[in-house]
């Protein structure tokens, strides 16, 4: 998520710098800024989609790595719970 935020900020910064450098009349600047903002928004959307895809890929890769390493999800055993419920304080004579 940090990478996505950084990319969006960079795109907006570049868009703002371009709009400022172009100059022109006030109405032209507003129109150009709006177009630049739209382009930056599209770029941010693409970056978000790419980040989401990367996250899915990373999750799948981590699951495969866990499987390859022999790490399985731990499931609670009903036998352990049953053994814990037994009263072991009673001593036999």
PDB file of N, CA and C in Angstrom:
ATOM      1  N   UNK A   1       0.820  -1.177   0.000  1.00  0.00           N
ATOM      2  CA  UNK A   1       0.000   0.000   0.000  1.00  0.00           C
ATOM      3  C   UNK A   1       0.874   1.254   0.000  1.00  0.00           C
ATOM      4  N   UNK A   2       2.028   1.200   0.639  1.00  0.00           N
ATOM      5  CA  UNK A   2       2.896   2.358   0.660  1.00  0.00           C
ATOM      6  C   UNK A   2       3.370   2.688  -0.743  1.00  0.00           C
ATOM      7  N   UNK A   3       3.658   1.651  -1.527  1.00  0.00           N
ATOM      8  CA  UNK A   3       4.138   1.865  -2.883  1.00  0.00           C
ATOM      9  C   UNK A   3       3.052   2.545  -3.718  1.00  0.00           C
ATOM     10  N   UNK A   4       1.817   2.126  -3.537  1.00  0.00           N
ATOM     11  CA  UNK A   4       0.711   2.714  -4.272  1.00  0.00           C
ATOM     12  C   UNK A   4       0.551   4.183  -3.904  1.00  0.00           C
ATOM     13  N   UNK A   5       0.591   4.505  -2.636  1.00  0.00           N
ATOM     14  CA  UNK A   5       0.455   5.878  -2.185  1.00  0.00           C
ATOM     15  C   UNK A   5       1.587   6.739  -2.724  1.00  0.00           C
ATOM     16  N   UNK A   6       2.783   6.202  -2.688  1.00  0.00           N
ATOM     17  CA  UNK A   6       3.936   6.935  -3.186  1.00  0.00           C
ATOM     18  C   UNK A   6       3.795   7.215  -4.678  1.00  0.00           C
ATOM     19  N   UNK A   7       3.315   6.226  -5.428  1.00  0.00           N
ATOM     20  CA  UNK A   7       3.139   6.413  -6.866  1.00  0.00           C
ATOM     21  C   UNK A   7       2.064   7.457  -7.151  1.00  0.00           C
ATOM     22  N   UNK A   8       0.988   7.445  -6.390  1.00  0.00           N
ATOM     23  CA  UNK A   8      -0.093   8.404  -6.597  1.00  0.00           C
ATOM     24  C   UNK A   8       0.381   9.820  -6.287  1.00  0.00           C
ATOM     25  N   UNK A   9       1.126   9.986  -5.205  1.00  0.00           N
ATOM     26  CA  UNK A   9       1.652  11.297  -4.840  1.00  0.00           C
ATOM     27  C   UNK A   9       2.625  11.790  -5.900  1.00  0.00           C
ATOM     28  N   UNK A  10       3.485  10.907  -6.375  1.00  0.00           N
ATOM     29  CA  UNK A  10       4.445  11.293  -7.404  1.00  0.00           C
ATOM     30  C   UNK A  10       3.730  11.714  -8.683  1.00  0.00           C
ATOM     31  N   UNK A  11       2.687  10.979  -9.066  1.00  0.00           N
ATOM     32  CA  UNK A  11       1.932  11.323 -10.279  1.00  0.00           C
ATOM     33  C   UNK A  11       1.264  12.684 -10.138  1.00  0.00           C
ATOM     34  N   UNK A  12       0.697  12.948  -8.963  1.00  0.00           N
ATOM     35  CA  UNK A  12       0.055  14.243  -8.741  1.00  0.00           C
ATOM     36  C   UNK A  12       1.083  15.369  -8.712  1.00  0.00           C
ATOM     37  N   UNK A  13       2.237  15.114  -8.139  1.00  0.00           N
ATOM     38  CA  UNK A  13       3.295  16.115  -8.096  1.00  0.00           C
ATOM     39  C   UNK A  13       3.777  16.444  -9.503  1.00  0.00           C
ATOM     40  N   UNK A  14       3.987  15.419 -10.303  1.00  0.00           N
ATOM     41  CA  UNK A  14       4.413  15.633 -11.689  1.00  0.00           C
ATOM     42  C   UNK A  14       3.328  16.371 -12.459  1.00  0.00           C
ATOM     43  N   UNK A  15       2.088  15.980 -12.260  1.00  0.00           N
ATOM     44  CA  UNK A  15       0.979  16.632 -12.954  1.00  0.00           C
ATOM     45  C   UNK A  15       0.894  18.104 -12.561  1.00  0.00           C
ATOM     46  N   UNK A  16       1.076  18.397 -11.297  1.00  0.00           N
ATOM     47  CA  UNK A  16       1.043  19.785 -10.833  1.00  0.00           C
ATOM     48  C   UNK A  16       2.195  20.587 -11.387  1.00  0.00           C
ATOM     49  N   UNK A  17       3.364  20.000 -11.448  1.00  0.00           N
ATOM     50  CA  UNK A  17       4.528  20.694 -11.991  1.00  0.00           C
ATOM     51  C   UNK A  17       4.336  20.973 -13.479  1.00  0.00           C
ATOM     52  N   UNK A  18       3.765  20.031 -14.211  1.00  0.00           N
ATOM     53  CA  UNK A  18       3.505  20.244 -15.632  1.00  0.00           C
ATOM     54  C   UNK A  18       2.483  21.348 -15.845  1.00  0.00           C
ATOM     55  N   UNK A  19       1.438  21.336 -15.047  1.00  0.00           N
ATOM     56  CA  UNK A  19       0.401  22.364 -15.177  1.00  0.00           C
ATOM     57  C   UNK A  19       0.973  23.740 -14.855  1.00  0.00           C
ATOM     58  N   UNK A  20       1.819  23.816 -13.878  1.00  0.00           N
ATOM     59  CA  UNK A  20       2.433  25.087 -13.499  1.00  0.00           C
ATOM     60  C   UNK A  20       3.391  25.569 -14.582  1.00  0.00           C
ATOM     61  N   UNK A  21       4.147  24.665 -15.164  1.00  0.00           N
ATOM     62  CA  UNK A  21       5.134  25.034 -16.172  1.00  0.00           C
ATOM     63  C   UNK A  21       4.473  25.486 -17.476  1.00  0.00           C
ATOM     64  N   UNK A  22       3.293  24.992 -17.767  1.00  0.00           N
ATOM     65  CA  UNK A  22       2.631  25.333 -19.022  1.00  0.00           C
ATOM     66  C   UNK A  22       2.136  26.770 -19.037  1.00  0.00           C
ATOM     67  N   UNK A  23       1.765  27.294 -17.901  1.00  0.00           N
ATOM     68  CA  UNK A  23       1.313  28.687 -17.835  1.00  0.00           C
ATOM     69  C   UNK A  23       0.053  28.901 -18.642  1.00  0.00           C
ATOM     70  N   UNK A  24      -0.065  30.071 -19.332  1.00  0.00           N
ATOM     71  CA  UNK A  24      -1.231  30.354 -20.160  1.00  0.00           C
ATOM     72  C   UNK A  24      -2.248  31.160 -19.391  1.00  0.00           C
ATOM     73  N   UNK A  25      -3.406  31.341 -20.004  1.00  0.00           N
ATOM     74  CA  UNK A  25      -4.457  32.103 -19.348  1.00  0.00           C
ATOM     75  C   UNK A  25      -5.076  31.274 -18.239  1.00  0.00           C
ATOM     76  N   UNK A  26      -5.842  31.945 -17.432  1.00  0.00           N
ATOM     77  CA  UNK A  26      -6.422  31.269 -16.280  1.00  0.00           C
ATOM     78  C   UNK A  26      -7.371  30.142 -16.696  1.00  0.00           C
ATOM     79  N   UNK A  27      -8.193  30.342 -17.694  1.00  0.00           N
ATOM     80  CA  UNK A  27      -9.127  29.302 -18.115  1.00  0.00           C
ATOM     81  C   UNK A  27      -8.375  28.134 -18.746  1.00  0.00           C
ATOM     82  N   UNK A  28      -7.332  28.428 -19.497  1.00  0.00           N
ATOM     83  CA  UNK A  28      -6.538  27.359 -20.082  1.00  0.00           C
ATOM     84  C   UNK A  28      -5.875  26.528 -18.996  1.00  0.00           C
ATOM     85  N   UNK A  29      -5.381  27.218 -17.985  1.00  0.00           N
ATOM     86  CA  UNK A  29      -4.699  26.531 -16.897  1.00  0.00           C
ATOM     87  C   UNK A  29      -5.664  25.606 -16.165  1.00  0.00           C
ATOM     88  N   UNK A  30      -6.873  26.086 -15.946  1.00  0.00           N
ATOM     89  CA  UNK A  30      -7.866  25.272 -15.242  1.00  0.00           C
ATOM     90  C   UNK A  30      -8.214  24.038 -16.067  1.00  0.00           C
ATOM     91  N   UNK A  31      -8.411  24.227 -17.361  1.00  0.00           N
ATOM     92  CA  UNK A  31      -8.746  23.092 -18.225  1.00  0.00           C
ATOM     93  C   UNK A  31      -7.589  22.099 -18.289  1.00  0.00           C
ATOM     94  N   UNK A  32      -6.382  22.623 -18.437  1.00  0.00           N
ATOM     95  CA  UNK A  32      -5.215  21.753 -18.508  1.00  0.00           C
ATOM     96  C   UNK A  32      -5.003  21.015 -17.186  1.00  0.00           C
ATOM     97  N   UNK A  33      -5.221  21.735 -16.095  1.00  0.00           N
ATOM     98  CA  UNK A  33      -5.061  21.099 -14.783  1.00  0.00           C
ATOM     99  C   UNK A  33      -6.081  19.986 -14.595  1.00  0.00           C
ATOM    100  N   UNK A  34      -7.290  20.212 -15.074  1.00  0.00           N
ATOM    101  CA  UNK A  34      -8.333  19.193 -14.949  1.00  0.00           C
ATOM    102  C   UNK A  34      -7.961  17.957 -15.768  1.00  0.00           C
ATOM    103  N   UNK A  35      -7.457  18.183 -16.989  1.00  0.00           N
ATOM    104  CA  UNK A  35      -7.046  17.051 -17.813  1.00  0.00           C
ATOM    105  C   UNK A  35      -5.872  16.316 -17.180  1.00  0.00           C
ATOM    106  N   UNK A  36      -4.944  17.088 -16.633  1.00  0.00           N
ATOM    107  CA  UNK A  36      -3.780  16.480 -15.989  1.00  0.00           C
ATOM    108  C   UNK A  36      -4.206  15.686 -14.763  1.00  0.00           C
ATOM    109  N   UNK A  37      -5.151  16.229 -14.016  1.00  0.00           N
ATOM    110  CA  UNK A  37      -5.650  15.518 -12.835  1.00  0.00           C
ATOM    111  C   UNK A  37      -6.353  14.227 -13.239  1.00  0.00           C
ATOM    112  N   UNK A  38      -7.098  14.275 -14.341  1.00  0.00           N
ATOM    113  CA  UNK A  38      -7.768  13.068 -14.818  1.00  0.00           C
ATOM    114  C   UNK A  38      -6.746  12.023 -15.243  1.00  0.00           C
ATOM    115  N   UNK A  39      -5.700  12.472 -15.916  1.00  0.00           N
ATOM    116  CA  UNK A  39      -4.653  11.539 -16.337  1.00  0.00           C
ATOM    117  C   UNK A  39      -3.954  10.936 -15.123  1.00  0.00           C
ATOM    118  N   UNK A  40      -3.712  11.774 -14.119  1.00  0.00           N
ATOM    119  CA  UNK A  40      -3.068  11.273 -12.898  1.00  0.00           C
ATOM    120  C   UNK A  40      -3.970  10.272 -12.178  1.00  0.00           C
ATOM    121  N   UNK A  41      -5.276  10.536 -12.181  1.00  0.00           N
ATOM    122  CA  UNK A  41      -6.222   9.615 -11.547  1.00  0.00           C
ATOM    123  C   UNK A  41      -6.241   8.274 -12.275  1.00  0.00           C
ATOM    124  N   UNK A  42      -6.202   8.326 -13.612  1.00  0.00           N
ATOM    125  CA  UNK A  42      -6.164   7.078 -14.376  1.00  0.00           C
ATOM    126  C   UNK A  42      -4.891   6.297 -14.079  1.00  0.00           C
ATOM    127  N   UNK A  43      -3.792   7.024 -13.990  1.00  0.00           N
ATOM    128  CA  UNK A  43      -2.513   6.376 -13.695  1.00  0.00           C
ATOM    129  C   UNK A  43      -2.542   5.756 -12.296  1.00  0.00           C
ATOM    130  N   UNK A  44      -3.145   6.462 -11.342  1.00  0.00           N
ATOM    131  CA  UNK A  44      -3.250   5.928  -9.983  1.00  0.00           C
ATOM    132  C   UNK A  44      -4.139   4.689  -9.948  1.00  0.00           C
ATOM    133  N   UNK A  45      -5.217   4.692 -10.748  1.00  0.00           N
ATOM    134  CA  UNK A  45      -6.089   3.520 -10.817  1.00  0.00           C
ATOM    135  C   UNK A  45      -5.338   2.312 -11.373  1.00  0.00           C
ATOM    136  N   UNK A  46      -4.544   2.556 -12.411  1.00  0.00           N
ATOM    137  CA  UNK A  46      -3.749   1.473 -12.981  1.00  0.00           C
ATOM    138  C   UNK A  46      -2.742   0.945 -11.965  1.00  0.00           C
ATOM    139  N   UNK A  47      -2.130   1.868 -11.217  1.00  0.00           N
ATOM    140  CA  UNK A  47      -1.169   1.455 -10.198  1.00  0.00           C
ATOM    141  C   UNK A  47      -1.856   0.652  -9.101  1.00  0.00           C
ATOM    142  N   UNK A  48      -3.072   1.050  -8.742  1.00  0.00           N
ATOM    143  CA  UNK A  48      -3.828   0.319  -7.724  1.00  0.00           C
ATOM    144  C   UNK A  48      -4.155  -1.087  -8.198  1.00  0.00           C
ATOM    145  N   UNK A  49      -4.556  -1.200  -9.455  1.00  0.00           N
ATOM    146  CA  UNK A  49      -4.875  -2.519  -9.999  1.00  0.00           C
ATOM    147  C   UNK A  49      -3.627  -3.400 -10.035  1.00  0.00           C
ATOM    148  N   UNK A  50      -2.505  -2.803 -10.405  1.00  0.00           N
ATOM    149  CA  UNK A  50      -1.254  -3.562 -10.439  1.00  0.00           C
ATOM    150  C   UNK A  50      -0.845  -4.002  -9.035  1.00  0.00           C
ATOM    151  N   UNK A  51      -1.029  -3.110  -8.059  1.00  0.00           N
ATOM    152  CA  UNK A  51      -0.676  -3.448  -6.679  1.00  0.00           C
ATOM    153  C   UNK A  51      -1.557  -4.568  -6.148  1.00  0.00           C
ATOM    154  N   UNK A  52      -2.831  -4.529  -6.504  1.00  0.00           N
ATOM    155  CA  UNK A  52      -3.759  -5.573  -6.060  1.00  0.00           C
ATOM    156  C   UNK A  52      -3.362  -6.918  -6.661  1.00  0.00           C
ATOM    157  N   UNK A  53      -3.007  -6.892  -7.930  1.00  0.00           N
ATOM    158  CA  UNK A  53      -2.573  -8.117  -8.606  1.00  0.00           C
ATOM    159  C   UNK A  53      -1.284  -8.648  -7.980  1.00  0.00           C
ATOM    160  N   UNK A  54      -0.357  -7.734  -7.692  1.00  0.00           N
ATOM    161  CA  UNK A  54       0.898  -8.136  -7.051  1.00  0.00           C
ATOM    162  C   UNK A  54       0.649  -8.746  -5.677  1.00  0.00           C
ATOM    163  N   UNK A  55      -0.301  -8.169  -4.940  1.00  0.00           N
ATOM    164  CA  UNK A  55      -0.617  -8.697  -3.615  1.00  0.00           C
ATOM    165  C   UNK A  55      -1.185 -10.104  -3.707  1.00  0.00           C
ATOM    166  N   UNK A  56      -2.060 -10.347  -4.691  1.00  0.00           N
ATOM    167  CA  UNK A  56      -2.622 -11.685  -4.871  1.00  0.00           C
ATOM    168  C   UNK A  56      -1.521 -12.681  -5.216  1.00  0.00           C
ATOM    169  N   UNK A  57      -0.626 -12.256  -6.098  1.00  0.00           N
ATOM    170  CA  UNK A  57       0.476 -13.118  -6.506  1.00  0.00           C
ATOM    171  C   UNK A  57       1.361 -13.451  -5.316  1.00  0.00           C
ATOM    172  N   UNK A  58       1.642 -12.430  -4.495  1.00  0.00           N
ATOM    173  CA  UNK A  58       2.495 -12.638  -3.327  1.00  0.00           C
ATOM    174  C   UNK A  58       1.828 -13.583  -2.327  1.00  0.00           C
ATOM    175  N   UNK A  59       0.538 -13.454  -2.158  1.00  0.00           N
ATOM    176  CA  UNK A  59      -0.189 -14.328  -1.238  1.00  0.00           C
ATOM    177  C   UNK A  59      -0.137 -15.773  -1.718  1.00  0.00           C
ATOM    178  N   UNK A  60      -0.339 -15.963  -3.024  1.00  0.00           N
ATOM    179  CA  UNK A  60      -0.289 -17.320  -3.577  1.00  0.00           C
ATOM    180  C   UNK A  60       1.121 -17.901  -3.449  1.00  0.00           C
ATOM    181  N   UNK A  61       2.124 -17.066  -3.696  1.00  0.00           N
ATOM    182  CA  UNK A  61       3.507 -17.540  -3.594  1.00  0.00           C
ATOM    183  C   UNK A  61       3.844 -17.911  -2.155  1.00  0.00           C
ATOM    184  N   UNK A  62       3.355 -17.132  -1.199  1.00  0.00           N
ATOM    185  CA  UNK A  62       3.608 -17.438   0.204  1.00  0.00           C
ATOM    186  C   UNK A  62       2.941 -18.754   0.602  1.00  0.00           C
ATOM    187  N   UNK A  63       1.743 -18.985   0.112  1.00  0.00           N
ATOM    188  CA  UNK A  63       1.042 -20.237   0.415  1.00  0.00           C
ATOM    189  C   UNK A  63       1.796 -21.430  -0.172  1.00  0.00           C
ATOM    190  N   UNK A  64       2.297 -21.263  -1.395  1.00  0.00           N
ATOM    191  CA  UNK A  64       3.066 -22.348  -2.012  1.00  0.00           C
ATOM    192  C   UNK A  64       4.362 -22.594  -1.257  1.00  0.00           C
ATOM    193  N   UNK A  65       4.995 -21.510  -0.795  1.00  0.00           N
ATOM    194  CA  UNK A  65       6.245 -21.654  -0.051  1.00  0.00           C
ATOM    195  C   UNK A  65       6.002 -22.368   1.272  1.00  0.00           C
ATOM    196  N   UNK A  66       4.905 -22.034   1.943  1.00  0.00           N
ATOM    197  CA  UNK A  66       4.563 -22.708   3.194  1.00  0.00           C
ATOM    198  C   UNK A  66       4.317 -24.195   2.956  1.00  0.00           C
ATOM    199  N   UNK A  67       3.615 -24.496   1.884  1.00  0.00           N
ATOM    200  CA  UNK A  67       3.331 -25.891   1.557  1.00  0.00           C
ATOM    201  C   UNK A  67       4.622 -26.634   1.248  1.00  0.00           C
ATOM    202  N   UNK A  68       5.491 -25.999   0.487  1.00  0.00           N
ATOM    203  CA  UNK A  68       6.759 -26.630   0.137  1.00  0.00           C
ATOM    204  C   UNK A  68       7.639 -26.829   1.362  1.00  0.00           C
ATOM    205  N   UNK A  69       7.545 -25.932   2.317  1.00  0.00           N
ATOM    206  CA  UNK A  69       8.346 -26.037   3.527  1.00  0.00           C
ATOM    207  C   UNK A  69       7.746 -27.038   4.514  1.00  0.00           C
ATOM    208  N   UNK A  70       6.544 -27.495   4.244  1.00  0.00           N
ATOM    209  CA  UNK A  70       5.916 -28.486   5.110  1.00  0.00           C
ATOM    210  C   UNK A  70       5.149 -27.870   6.261  1.00  0.00           C
ATOM    211  N   UNK A  71       4.864 -26.602   6.162  1.00  0.00           N
ATOM    212  CA  UNK A  71       4.114 -25.930   7.223  1.00  0.00           C
ATOM    213  C   UNK A  71       2.643 -26.010   6.857  1.00  0.00           C
ATOM    214  N   UNK A  72       1.893 -26.679   7.691  1.00  0.00           N
ATOM    215  CA  UNK A  72       0.461 -26.809   7.453  1.00  0.00           C
ATOM    216  C   UNK A  72      -0.278 -25.951   8.458  1.00  0.00           C
ATOM    217  N   UNK A  73      -1.495 -25.603   8.131  1.00  0.00           N
ATOM    218  CA  UNK A  73      -2.313 -24.842   9.066  1.00  0.00           C
ATOM    219  C   UNK A  73      -2.603 -25.719  10.279  1.00  0.00           C
ATOM    220  N   UNK A  74      -2.447 -25.147  11.441  1.00  0.00           N
ATOM    221  CA  UNK A  74      -2.675 -25.923  12.659  1.00  0.00           C
ATOM    222  C   UNK A  74      -4.164 -25.990  12.947  1.00  0.00           C
ATOM    223  N   UNK A  75      -4.620 -27.185  13.204  1.00  0.00           N
ATOM    224  CA  UNK A  75      -6.009 -27.397  13.561  1.00  0.00           C
ATOM    225  C   UNK A  75      -6.041 -27.892  14.995  1.00  0.00           C
ATOM    226  N   UNK A  76      -6.994 -27.393  15.748  1.00  0.00           N
ATOM    227  CA  UNK A  76      -7.086 -27.830  17.136  1.00  0.00           C
ATOM    228  C   UNK A  76      -7.627 -29.255  17.168  1.00  0.00           C
ATOM    229  N   UNK A  77      -7.035 -30.037  17.990  1.00  0.00           N
ATOM    230  CA  UNK A  77      -7.430 -31.439  18.089  1.00  0.00           C
ATOM    231  C   UNK A  77      -8.470 -31.592  19.178  1.00  0.00           C
ATOM    232  N   UNK A  78      -9.503 -32.352  18.894  1.00  0.00           N
ATOM    233  CA  UNK A  78     -10.549 -32.585  19.894  1.00  0.00           C
ATOM    234  C   UNK A  78     -10.031 -33.513  20.992  1.00  0.00           C
ATOM    235  N   UNK A  79      -9.036 -34.346  20.701  1.00  0.00           N
ATOM    236  CA  UNK A  79      -8.473 -35.241  21.705  1.00  0.00           C
ATOM    237  C   UNK A  79      -7.764 -34.450  22.796  1.00  0.00           C
ATOM    238  N   UNK A  80      -7.076 -33.411  22.412  1.00  0.00           N
ATOM    239  CA  UNK A  80      -6.370 -32.594  23.403  1.00  0.00           C
ATOM    240  C   UNK A  80      -7.358 -31.891  24.311  1.00  0.00           C
ATOM    241  N   UNK A  81      -8.448 -31.414  23.756  1.00  0.00           N
ATOM    242  CA  UNK A  81      -9.458 -30.737  24.562  1.00  0.00           C
ATOM    243  C   UNK A  81     -10.106 -31.728  25.530  1.00  0.00           C
ATOM    244  N   UNK A  82     -10.363 -32.943  25.069  1.00  0.00           N
ATOM    245  CA  UNK A  82     -10.985 -33.947  25.918  1.00  0.00           C
ATOM    246  C   UNK A  82     -10.040 -34.337  27.052  1.00  0.00           C
ATOM    247  N   UNK A  83      -8.773 -34.438  26.766  1.00  0.00           N
ATOM    248  CA  UNK A  83      -7.799 -34.795  27.796  1.00  0.00           C
ATOM    249  C   UNK A  83      -7.670 -33.682  28.812  1.00  0.00           C
ATOM    250  N   UNK A  84      -7.787 -32.462  28.379  1.00  0.00           N
ATOM    251  CA  UNK A  84      -7.663 -31.328  29.290  1.00  0.00           C
ATOM    252  C   UNK A  84      -8.871 -31.253  30.223  1.00  0.00           C
ATOM    253  N   UNK A  85     -10.012 -31.730  29.806  1.00  0.00           N
ATOM    254  CA  UNK A  85     -11.211 -31.665  30.625  1.00  0.00           C
ATOM    255  C   UNK A  85     -11.233 -32.723  31.728  1.00  0.00           C
ATOM    256  N   UNK A  86     -10.460 -33.795  31.594  1.00  0.00           N
ATOM    257  CA  UNK A  86     -10.458 -34.850  32.600  1.00  0.00           C
ATOM    258  C   UNK A  86      -9.839 -34.325  33.898  1.00  0.00           C
ATOM    259  N   UNK A  87     -10.383 -34.788  34.990  1.00  0.00           N
ATOM    260  CA  UNK A  87      -9.870 -34.383  36.299  1.00  0.00           C
ATOM    261  C   UNK A  87      -8.712 -35.305  36.665  1.00  0.00           C
ATOM    262  N   UNK A  88      -7.537 -34.761  36.679  1.00  0.00           N
ATOM    263  CA  UNK A  88      -6.337 -35.570  36.970  1.00  0.00           C
ATOM    264  C   UNK A  88      -5.889 -35.397  38.418  1.00  0.00           C
ATOM    265  N   UNK A  89      -6.638 -34.658  39.211  1.00  0.00           N
ATOM    266  CA  UNK A  89      -6.231 -34.434  40.599  1.00  0.00           C
ATOM    267  C   UNK A  89      -6.624 -35.573  41.527  1.00  0.00           C
ATOM    268  N   UNK A  90      -7.516 -36.430  41.090  1.00  0.00           N
ATOM    269  CA  UNK A  90      -7.949 -37.548  41.921  1.00  0.00           C
ATOM    270  C   UNK A  90      -6.864 -38.617  41.905  1.00  0.00           C
ATOM    271  N   UNK A  91      -6.426 -38.997  43.109  1.00  0.00           N
ATOM    272  CA  UNK A  91      -5.377 -40.032  43.220  1.00  0.00           C
ATOM    273  C   UNK A  91      -6.014 -41.372  43.503  1.00  0.00           C
ATOM    274  N   UNK A  92      -5.466 -42.413  42.929  1.00  0.00           N
ATOM    275  CA  UNK A  92      -5.961 -43.763  43.185  1.00  0.00           C
ATOM    276  C   UNK A  92      -5.297 -44.282  44.459  1.00  0.00           C
ATOM    277  N   UNK A  93      -6.039 -44.989  45.284  1.00  0.00           N
ATOM    278  CA  UNK A  93      -5.469 -45.518  46.547  1.00  0.00           C
ATOM    279  C   UNK A  93      -4.527 -46.669  46.342  1.00  0.00           C
TER     280      UNK A  93
END
